[in-house]
Amino acid sequence: MPKEKVTITLDRAKAESARSLLGAGSKSEVGDIALDRLIRTERLRHDVAAYRRVPPRGAEAQLALMDSPDLDDATDWEMLYAEEGD
């Protein structure tokens, strides 16, 4: 995605602290990472809110009551769904 130069006002100490924590090379990179994480978090928050508005019914509700011993397996889900750059 093409990038565009913008001007924003930041607390320098916060920006530097974030840059240091992330190991980012610049404040621009910090801003890009922060926006990516904000977008991902807000999409998840919206999804959770949508699921809460429509409770499961019928067969969906029955799934929650089932024993699920097969879910405890040796699959490394974190590795399978690791995101690049994190």
PDB file of N, CA and C in Angstrom:
ATOM      1  N   MET A   1       0.845  -1.159   0.000  1.00  0.00           N
ATOM      2  CA  MET A   1       0.000   0.000   0.000  1.00  0.00           C
ATOM      3  C   MET A   1       0.902   1.237   0.000  1.00  0.00           C
ATOM      4  N   PRO A   2       0.622   2.190  -0.864  1.00  0.00           N
ATOM      5  CA  PRO A   2       1.458   3.394  -0.904  1.00  0.00           C
ATOM      6  C   PRO A   2       1.314   4.201   0.381  1.00  0.00           C
ATOM      7  N   LYS A   3       2.402   4.784   0.772  1.00  0.00           N
ATOM      8  CA  LYS A   3       2.390   5.600   1.986  1.00  0.00           C
ATOM      9  C   LYS A   3       2.361   7.064   1.609  1.00  0.00           C
ATOM     10  N   GLU A   4       1.811   7.848   2.510  1.00  0.00           N
ATOM     11  CA  GLU A   4       1.680   9.273   2.292  1.00  0.00           C
ATOM     12  C   GLU A   4       2.247   9.999   3.504  1.00  0.00           C
ATOM     13  N   LYS A   5       2.973  11.057   3.265  1.00  0.00           N
ATOM     14  CA  LYS A   5       3.546  11.816   4.365  1.00  0.00           C
ATOM     15  C   LYS A   5       2.457  12.670   5.007  1.00  0.00           C
ATOM     16  N   VAL A   6       2.383  12.588   6.358  1.00  0.00           N
ATOM     17  CA  VAL A   6       1.424  13.392   7.116  1.00  0.00           C
ATOM     18  C   VAL A   6       2.151  14.029   8.292  1.00  0.00           C
ATOM     19  N   THR A   7       1.554  15.051   8.830  1.00  0.00           N
ATOM     20  CA  THR A   7       2.114  15.710  10.003  1.00  0.00           C
ATOM     21  C   THR A   7       1.168  15.481  11.171  1.00  0.00           C
ATOM     22  N   ILE A   8       1.721  14.955  12.288  1.00  0.00           N
ATOM     23  CA  ILE A   8       0.927  14.761  13.493  1.00  0.00           C
ATOM     24  C   ILE A   8       1.706  15.299  14.678  1.00  0.00           C
ATOM     25  N   THR A   9       1.012  15.575  15.742  1.00  0.00           N
ATOM     26  CA  THR A   9       1.649  16.049  16.963  1.00  0.00           C
ATOM     27  C   THR A   9       1.654  14.909  17.970  1.00  0.00           C
ATOM     28  N   LEU A  10       2.836  14.575  18.469  1.00  0.00           N
ATOM     29  CA  LEU A  10       2.993  13.478  19.418  1.00  0.00           C
ATOM     30  C   LEU A  10       3.718  13.947  20.661  1.00  0.00           C
ATOM     31  N   ASP A  11       3.488  13.245  21.746  1.00  0.00           N
ATOM     32  CA  ASP A  11       4.292  13.421  22.945  1.00  0.00           C
ATOM     33  C   ASP A  11       5.626  12.744  22.641  1.00  0.00           C
ATOM     34  N   ARG A  12       6.707  13.518  22.593  1.00  0.00           N
ATOM     35  CA  ARG A  12       8.010  12.966  22.196  1.00  0.00           C
ATOM     36  C   ARG A  12       8.465  11.827  23.101  1.00  0.00           C
ATOM     37  N   ALA A  13       8.224  11.961  24.398  1.00  0.00           N
ATOM     38  CA  ALA A  13       8.654  10.925  25.336  1.00  0.00           C
ATOM     39  C   ALA A  13       7.905   9.614  25.073  1.00  0.00           C
ATOM     40  N   LYS A  14       6.605   9.702  24.814  1.00  0.00           N
ATOM     41  CA  LYS A  14       5.816   8.495  24.517  1.00  0.00           C
ATOM     42  C   LYS A  14       6.282   7.861  23.208  1.00  0.00           C
ATOM     43  N   ALA A  15       6.513   8.678  22.202  1.00  0.00           N
ATOM     44  CA  ALA A  15       6.945   8.167  20.907  1.00  0.00           C
ATOM     45  C   ALA A  15       8.304   7.475  21.026  1.00  0.00           C
ATOM     46  N   GLU A  16       9.209   8.069  21.778  1.00  0.00           N
ATOM     47  CA  GLU A  16      10.536   7.477  21.953  1.00  0.00           C
ATOM     48  C   GLU A  16      10.456   6.204  22.778  1.00  0.00           C
ATOM     49  N   SER A  17       9.618   6.192  23.798  1.00  0.00           N
ATOM     50  CA  SER A  17       9.435   4.995  24.614  1.00  0.00           C
ATOM     51  C   SER A  17       8.862   3.858  23.767  1.00  0.00           C
ATOM     52  N   ALA A  18       7.880   4.163  22.938  1.00  0.00           N
ATOM     53  CA  ALA A  18       7.286   3.164  22.055  1.00  0.00           C
ATOM     54  C   ALA A  18       8.310   2.669  21.040  1.00  0.00           C
ATOM     55  N   ARG A  19       9.094   3.584  20.475  1.00  0.00           N
ATOM     56  CA  ARG A  19      10.113   3.196  19.506  1.00  0.00           C
ATOM     57  C   ARG A  19      11.107   2.234  20.140  1.00  0.00           C
ATOM     58  N   SER A  20      11.506   2.531  21.360  1.00  0.00           N
ATOM     59  CA  SER A  20      12.458   1.693  22.071  1.00  0.00           C
ATOM     60  C   SER A  20      11.855   0.315  22.386  1.00  0.00           C
ATOM     61  N   LEU A  21      10.621   0.287  22.867  1.00  0.00           N
ATOM     62  CA  LEU A  21       9.962  -0.983  23.197  1.00  0.00           C
ATOM     63  C   LEU A  21       9.784  -1.869  21.970  1.00  0.00           C
ATOM     64  N   LEU A  22       9.453  -1.256  20.848  1.00  0.00           N
ATOM     65  CA  LEU A  22       9.198  -2.010  19.621  1.00  0.00           C
ATOM     66  C   LEU A  22      10.471  -2.340  18.853  1.00  0.00           C
ATOM     67  N   GLY A  23      11.529  -1.631  19.165  1.00  0.00           N
ATOM     68  CA  GLY A  23      12.753  -1.803  18.391  1.00  0.00           C
ATOM     69  C   GLY A  23      12.603  -1.204  17.002  1.00  0.00           C
ATOM     70  N   ALA A  24      11.718  -0.232  16.887  1.00  0.00           N
ATOM     71  CA  ALA A  24      11.452   0.405  15.595  1.00  0.00           C
ATOM     72  C   ALA A  24      12.597   1.351  15.247  1.00  0.00           C
ATOM     73  N   GLY A  25      12.806   1.520  13.956  1.00  0.00           N
ATOM     74  CA  GLY A  25      13.887   2.376  13.496  1.00  0.00           C
ATOM     75  C   GLY A  25      13.551   3.850  13.475  1.00  0.00           C
ATOM     76  N   SER A  26      12.248   4.154  13.502  1.00  0.00           N
ATOM     77  CA  SER A  26      11.842   5.558  13.417  1.00  0.00           C
ATOM     78  C   SER A  26      10.483   5.752  14.068  1.00  0.00           C
ATOM     79  N   LYS A  27      10.155   7.009  14.298  1.00  0.00           N
ATOM     80  CA  LYS A  27       8.826   7.330  14.838  1.00  0.00           C
ATOM     81  C   LYS A  27       7.751   7.050  13.801  1.00  0.00           C
ATOM     82  N   SER A  28       8.092   7.156  12.535  1.00  0.00           N
ATOM     83  CA  SER A  28       7.130   6.813  11.473  1.00  0.00           C
ATOM     84  C   SER A  28       6.765   5.340  11.544  1.00  0.00           C
ATOM     85  N   GLU A  29       7.761   4.502  11.777  1.00  0.00           N
ATOM     86  CA  GLU A  29       7.503   3.074  11.906  1.00  0.00           C
ATOM     87  C   GLU A  29       6.633   2.792  13.136  1.00  0.00           C
ATOM     88  N   VAL A  30       6.896   3.501  14.219  1.00  0.00           N
ATOM     89  CA  VAL A  30       6.071   3.369  15.431  1.00  0.00           C
ATOM     90  C   VAL A  30       4.618   3.712  15.108  1.00  0.00           C
ATOM     91  N   GLY A  31       4.415   4.817  14.399  1.00  0.00           N
ATOM     92  CA  GLY A  31       3.062   5.220  14.030  1.00  0.00           C
ATOM     93  C   GLY A  31       2.371   4.183  13.172  1.00  0.00           C
ATOM     94  N   ASP A  32       3.098   3.602  12.229  1.00  0.00           N
ATOM     95  CA  ASP A  32       2.539   2.584  11.350  1.00  0.00           C
ATOM     96  C   ASP A  32       2.142   1.339  12.147  1.00  0.00           C
ATOM     97  N   ILE A  33       3.010   0.904  13.046  1.00  0.00           N
ATOM     98  CA  ILE A  33       2.719  -0.255  13.894  1.00  0.00           C
ATOM     99  C   ILE A  33       1.517   0.046  14.783  1.00  0.00           C
ATOM    100  N   ALA A  34       1.509   1.231  15.370  1.00  0.00           N
ATOM    101  CA  ALA A  34       0.400   1.610  16.260  1.00  0.00           C
ATOM    102  C   ALA A  34      -0.932   1.607  15.517  1.00  0.00           C
ATOM    103  N   LEU A  35      -0.949   2.144  14.305  1.00  0.00           N
ATOM    104  CA  LEU A  35      -2.190   2.155  13.532  1.00  0.00           C
ATOM    105  C   LEU A  35      -2.621   0.747  13.148  1.00  0.00           C
ATOM    106  N   ASP A  36      -1.680  -0.110  12.764  1.00  0.00           N
ATOM    107  CA  ASP A  36      -2.017  -1.505  12.452  1.00  0.00           C
ATOM    108  C   ASP A  36      -2.667  -2.181  13.651  1.00  0.00           C
ATOM    109  N   ARG A  37      -2.075  -1.984  14.822  1.00  0.00           N
ATOM    110  CA  ARG A  37      -2.612  -2.621  16.033  1.00  0.00           C
ATOM    111  C   ARG A  37      -3.960  -2.027  16.430  1.00  0.00           C
ATOM    112  N   LEU A  38      -4.117  -0.739  16.264  1.00  0.00           N
ATOM    113  CA  LEU A  38      -5.401  -0.095  16.569  1.00  0.00           C
ATOM    114  C   LEU A  38      -6.502  -0.630  15.654  1.00  0.00           C
ATOM    115  N   ILE A  39      -6.209  -0.727  14.373  1.00  0.00           N
ATOM    116  CA  ILE A  39      -7.193  -1.228  13.402  1.00  0.00           C
ATOM    117  C   ILE A  39      -7.582  -2.662  13.744  1.00  0.00           C
ATOM    118  N   ARG A  40      -6.593  -3.506  14.009  1.00  0.00           N
ATOM    119  CA  ARG A  40      -6.861  -4.909  14.349  1.00  0.00           C
ATOM    120  C   ARG A  40      -7.696  -5.008  15.626  1.00  0.00           C
ATOM    121  N   THR A  41      -7.345  -4.218  16.644  1.00  0.00           N
ATOM    122  CA  THR A  41      -8.070  -4.239  17.916  1.00  0.00           C
ATOM    123  C   THR A  41      -9.510  -3.770  17.749  1.00  0.00           C
ATOM    124  N   GLU A  42      -9.704  -2.706  17.001  1.00  0.00           N
ATOM    125  CA  GLU A  42     -11.060  -2.183  16.816  1.00  0.00           C
ATOM    126  C   GLU A  42     -11.920  -3.137  15.990  1.00  0.00           C
ATOM    127  N   ARG A  43     -11.335  -3.792  14.989  1.00  0.00           N
ATOM    128  CA  ARG A  43     -12.103  -4.788  14.215  1.00  0.00           C
ATOM    129  C   ARG A  43     -12.527  -5.935  15.115  1.00  0.00           C
ATOM    130  N   LEU A  44     -11.620  -6.383  15.973  1.00  0.00           N
ATOM    131  CA  LEU A  44     -11.947  -7.457  16.904  1.00  0.00           C
ATOM    132  C   LEU A  44     -13.032  -7.005  17.880  1.00  0.00           C
ATOM    133  N   ARG A  45     -12.903  -5.778  18.390  1.00  0.00           N
ATOM    134  CA  ARG A  45     -13.904  -5.249  19.319  1.00  0.00           C
ATOM    135  C   ARG A  45     -15.281  -5.192  18.658  1.00  0.00           C
ATOM    136  N   HIS A  46     -15.328  -4.766  17.401  1.00  0.00           N
ATOM    137  CA  HIS A  46     -16.596  -4.703  16.666  1.00  0.00           C
ATOM    138  C   HIS A  46     -17.159  -6.110  16.447  1.00  0.00           C
ATOM    139  N   ASP A  47     -16.290  -7.068  16.133  1.00  0.00           N
ATOM    140  CA  ASP A  47     -16.739  -8.447  15.942  1.00  0.00           C
ATOM    141  C   ASP A  47     -17.324  -9.012  17.239  1.00  0.00           C
ATOM    142  N   VAL A  48     -16.643  -8.792  18.349  1.00  0.00           N
ATOM    143  CA  VAL A  48     -17.126  -9.286  19.639  1.00  0.00           C
ATOM    144  C   VAL A  48     -18.468  -8.658  19.970  1.00  0.00           C
ATOM    145  N   ALA A  49     -18.596  -7.368  19.742  1.00  0.00           N
ATOM    146  CA  ALA A  49     -19.870  -6.686  20.012  1.00  0.00           C
ATOM    147  C   ALA A  49     -20.986  -7.271  19.150  1.00  0.00           C
ATOM    148  N   ALA A  50     -20.696  -7.586  17.902  1.00  0.00           N
ATOM    149  CA  ALA A  50     -21.705  -8.173  17.012  1.00  0.00           C
ATOM    150  C   ALA A  50     -22.126  -9.544  17.518  1.00  0.00           C
ATOM    151  N   TYR A  51     -21.175 -10.360  17.953  1.00  0.00           N
ATOM    152  CA  TYR A  51     -21.515 -11.687  18.479  1.00  0.00           C
ATOM    153  C   TYR A  51     -22.353 -11.573  19.748  1.00  0.00           C
ATOM    154  N   ARG A  52     -22.082 -10.571  20.550  1.00  0.00           N
ATOM    155  CA  ARG A  52     -22.858 -10.403  21.787  1.00  0.00           C
ATOM    156  C   ARG A  52     -24.289  -9.989  21.503  1.00  0.00           C
ATOM    157  N   ARG A  53     -24.512  -9.284  20.409  1.00  0.00           N
ATOM    158  CA  ARG A  53     -25.874  -8.844  20.062  1.00  0.00           C
ATOM    159  C   ARG A  53     -26.735 -10.000  19.579  1.00  0.00           C
ATOM    160  N   VAL A  54     -26.111 -11.013  18.988  1.00  0.00           N
ATOM    161  CA  VAL A  54     -26.860 -12.141  18.436  1.00  0.00           C
ATOM    162  C   VAL A  54     -26.411 -13.406  19.160  1.00  0.00           C
ATOM    163  N   PRO A  55     -27.114 -13.790  20.225  1.00  0.00           N
ATOM    164  CA  PRO A  55     -26.707 -14.976  20.972  1.00  0.00           C
ATOM    165  C   PRO A  55     -26.918 -16.250  20.147  1.00  0.00           C
ATOM    166  N   PRO A  56     -26.129 -17.286  20.419  1.00  0.00           N
ATOM    167  CA  PRO A  56     -26.297 -18.545  19.694  1.00  0.00           C
ATOM    168  C   PRO A  56     -27.654 -19.177  20.009  1.00  0.00           C
ATOM    169  N   ARG A  57     -28.219 -19.836  19.004  1.00  0.00           N
ATOM    170  CA  ARG A  57     -29.512 -20.504  19.186  1.00  0.00           C
ATOM    171  C   ARG A  57     -29.433 -21.922  18.642  1.00  0.00           C
ATOM    172  N   GLY A  58     -30.361 -22.729  19.033  1.00  0.00           N
ATOM    173  CA  GLY A  58     -30.509 -24.071  18.483  1.00  0.00           C
ATOM    174  C   GLY A  58     -29.234 -24.882  18.502  1.00  0.00           C
ATOM    175  N   ALA A  59     -28.820 -25.324  17.307  1.00  0.00           N
ATOM    176  CA  ALA A  59     -27.647 -26.196  17.178  1.00  0.00           C
ATOM    177  C   ALA A  59     -26.372 -25.504  17.671  1.00  0.00           C
ATOM    178  N   GLU A  60     -26.269 -24.204  17.473  1.00  0.00           N
ATOM    179  CA  GLU A  60     -25.078 -23.483  17.947  1.00  0.00           C
ATOM    180  C   GLU A  60     -24.984 -23.552  19.467  1.00  0.00           C
ATOM    181  N   ALA A  61     -26.100 -23.365  20.143  1.00  0.00           N
ATOM    182  CA  ALA A  61     -26.113 -23.419  21.604  1.00  0.00           C
ATOM    183  C   ALA A  61     -25.787 -24.826  22.091  1.00  0.00           C
ATOM    184  N   GLN A  62     -26.238 -25.856  21.387  1.00  0.00           N
ATOM    185  CA  GLN A  62     -25.962 -27.237  21.767  1.00  0.00           C
ATOM    186  C   GLN A  62     -24.475 -27.559  21.664  1.00  0.00           C
ATOM    187  N   LEU A  63     -23.778 -26.954  20.710  1.00  0.00           N
ATOM    188  CA  LEU A  63     -22.335 -27.190  20.574  1.00  0.00           C
ATOM    189  C   LEU A  63     -21.584 -26.805  21.843  1.00  0.00           C
ATOM    190  N   ALA A  64     -22.023 -25.746  22.492  1.00  0.00           N
ATOM    191  CA  ALA A  64     -21.348 -25.279  23.700  1.00  0.00           C
ATOM    192  C   ALA A  64     -21.497 -26.271  24.845  1.00  0.00           C
ATOM    193  N   LEU A  65     -22.535 -27.102  24.817  1.00  0.00           N
ATOM    194  CA  LEU A  65     -22.796 -28.050  25.895  1.00  0.00           C
ATOM    195  C   LEU A  65     -22.097 -29.394  25.701  1.00  0.00           C
ATOM    196  N   MET A  66     -21.542 -29.611  24.518  1.00  0.00           N
ATOM    197  CA  MET A  66     -20.907 -30.898  24.211  1.00  0.00           C
ATOM    198  C   MET A  66     -19.573 -31.056  24.926  1.00  0.00           C
ATOM    199  N   ASP A  67     -19.260 -32.300  25.288  1.00  0.00           N
ATOM    200  CA  ASP A  67     -17.910 -32.603  25.757  1.00  0.00           C
ATOM    201  C   ASP A  67     -16.982 -32.449  24.561  1.00  0.00           C
ATOM    202  N   SER A  68     -15.808 -31.911  24.789  1.00  0.00           N
ATOM    203  CA  SER A  68     -14.894 -31.735  23.663  1.00  0.00           C
ATOM    204  C   SER A  68     -13.485 -32.164  24.033  1.00  0.00           C
ATOM    205  N   PRO A  69     -13.303 -33.447  24.347  1.00  0.00           N
ATOM    206  CA  PRO A  69     -11.959 -33.901  24.718  1.00  0.00           C
ATOM    207  C   PRO A  69     -10.965 -33.824  23.564  1.00  0.00           C
ATOM    208  N   ASP A  70     -11.451 -33.833  22.327  1.00  0.00           N
ATOM    209  CA  ASP A  70     -10.553 -33.798  21.179  1.00  0.00           C
ATOM    210  C   ASP A  70      -9.898 -32.429  20.972  1.00  0.00           C
ATOM    211  N   LEU A  71     -10.366 -31.424  21.693  1.00  0.00           N
ATOM    212  CA  LEU A  71      -9.792 -30.095  21.522  1.00  0.00           C
ATOM    213  C   LEU A  71      -8.443 -29.967  22.215  1.00  0.00           C
ATOM    214  N   ASP A  72      -8.148 -30.851  23.136  1.00  0.00           N
ATOM    215  CA  ASP A  72      -6.881 -30.798  23.852  1.00  0.00           C
ATOM    216  C   ASP A  72      -5.867 -31.666  23.114  1.00  0.00           C
ATOM    217  N   ASP A  73      -5.295 -31.093  22.050  1.00  0.00           N
ATOM    218  CA  ASP A  73      -4.332 -31.853  21.261  1.00  0.00           C
ATOM    219  C   ASP A  73      -2.970 -31.165  21.283  1.00  0.00           C
ATOM    220  N   ALA A  74      -2.034 -31.707  20.569  1.00  0.00           N
ATOM    221  CA  ALA A  74      -0.669 -31.196  20.582  1.00  0.00           C
ATOM    222  C   ALA A  74      -0.410 -30.149  19.497  1.00  0.00           C
ATOM    223  N   THR A  75      -1.454 -29.659  18.853  1.00  0.00           N
ATOM    224  CA  THR A  75      -1.281 -28.675  17.792  1.00  0.00           C
ATOM    225  C   THR A  75      -0.720 -27.378  18.355  1.00  0.00           C
ATOM    226  N   ASP A  76       0.297 -26.849  17.710  1.00  0.00           N
ATOM    227  CA  ASP A  76       0.890 -25.572  18.107  1.00  0.00           C
ATOM    228  C   ASP A  76       0.160 -24.471  17.339  1.00  0.00           C
ATOM    229  N   TRP A  77      -0.997 -24.048  17.861  1.00  0.00           N
ATOM    230  CA  TRP A  77      -1.847 -23.077  17.170  1.00  0.00           C
ATOM    231  C   TRP A  77      -1.157 -21.726  17.026  1.00  0.00           C
ATOM    232  N   GLU A  78      -0.374 -21.359  18.033  1.00  0.00           N
ATOM    233  CA  GLU A  78       0.333 -20.077  17.962  1.00  0.00           C
ATOM    234  C   GLU A  78       1.283 -20.048  16.775  1.00  0.00           C
ATOM    235  N   MET A  79       1.980 -21.158  16.552  1.00  0.00           N
ATOM    236  CA  MET A  79       2.899 -21.229  15.425  1.00  0.00           C
ATOM    237  C   MET A  79       2.129 -21.207  14.097  1.00  0.00           C
ATOM    238  N   LEU A  80       1.029 -21.948  14.028  1.00  0.00           N
ATOM    239  CA  LEU A  80       0.263 -22.023  12.798  1.00  0.00           C
ATOM    240  C   LEU A  80      -0.326 -20.680  12.382  1.00  0.00           C
ATOM    241  N   TYR A  81      -0.689 -19.872  13.380  1.00  0.00           N
ATOM    242  CA  TYR A  81      -1.335 -18.601  13.072  1.00  0.00           C
ATOM    243  C   TYR A  81      -0.466 -17.397  13.426  1.00  0.00           C
ATOM    244  N   ALA A  82       0.825 -17.598  13.496  1.00  0.00           N
ATOM    245  CA  ALA A  82       1.741 -16.493  13.793  1.00  0.00           C
ATOM    246  C   ALA A  82       1.674 -15.477  12.664  1.00  0.00           C
ATOM    247  N   GLU A  83       1.657 -14.212  13.053  1.00  0.00           N
ATOM    248  CA  GLU A  83       1.627 -13.152  12.047  1.00  0.00           C
ATOM    249  C   GLU A  83       3.040 -12.672  11.785  1.00  0.00           C
ATOM    250  N   GLU A  84       3.314 -12.422  10.537  1.00  0.00           N
ATOM    251  CA  GLU A  84       4.640 -11.921  10.199  1.00  0.00           C
ATOM    252  C   GLU A  84       4.801 -10.516  10.747  1.00  0.00           C
ATOM    253  N   GLY A  85       5.971 -10.221  11.260  1.00  0.00           N
ATOM    254  CA  GLY A  85       6.263  -8.883  11.745  1.00  0.00           C
ATOM    255  C   GLY A  85       5.967  -8.709  13.221  1.00  0.00           C
ATOM    256  N   ASP A  86       5.320  -9.680  13.857  1.00  0.00           N
ATOM    257  CA  ASP A  86       5.036  -9.566  15.291  1.00  0.00           C
ATOM    258  C   ASP A  86       6.081 -10.282  16.097  1.00  0.00           C
TER     259      ASP A  86
END
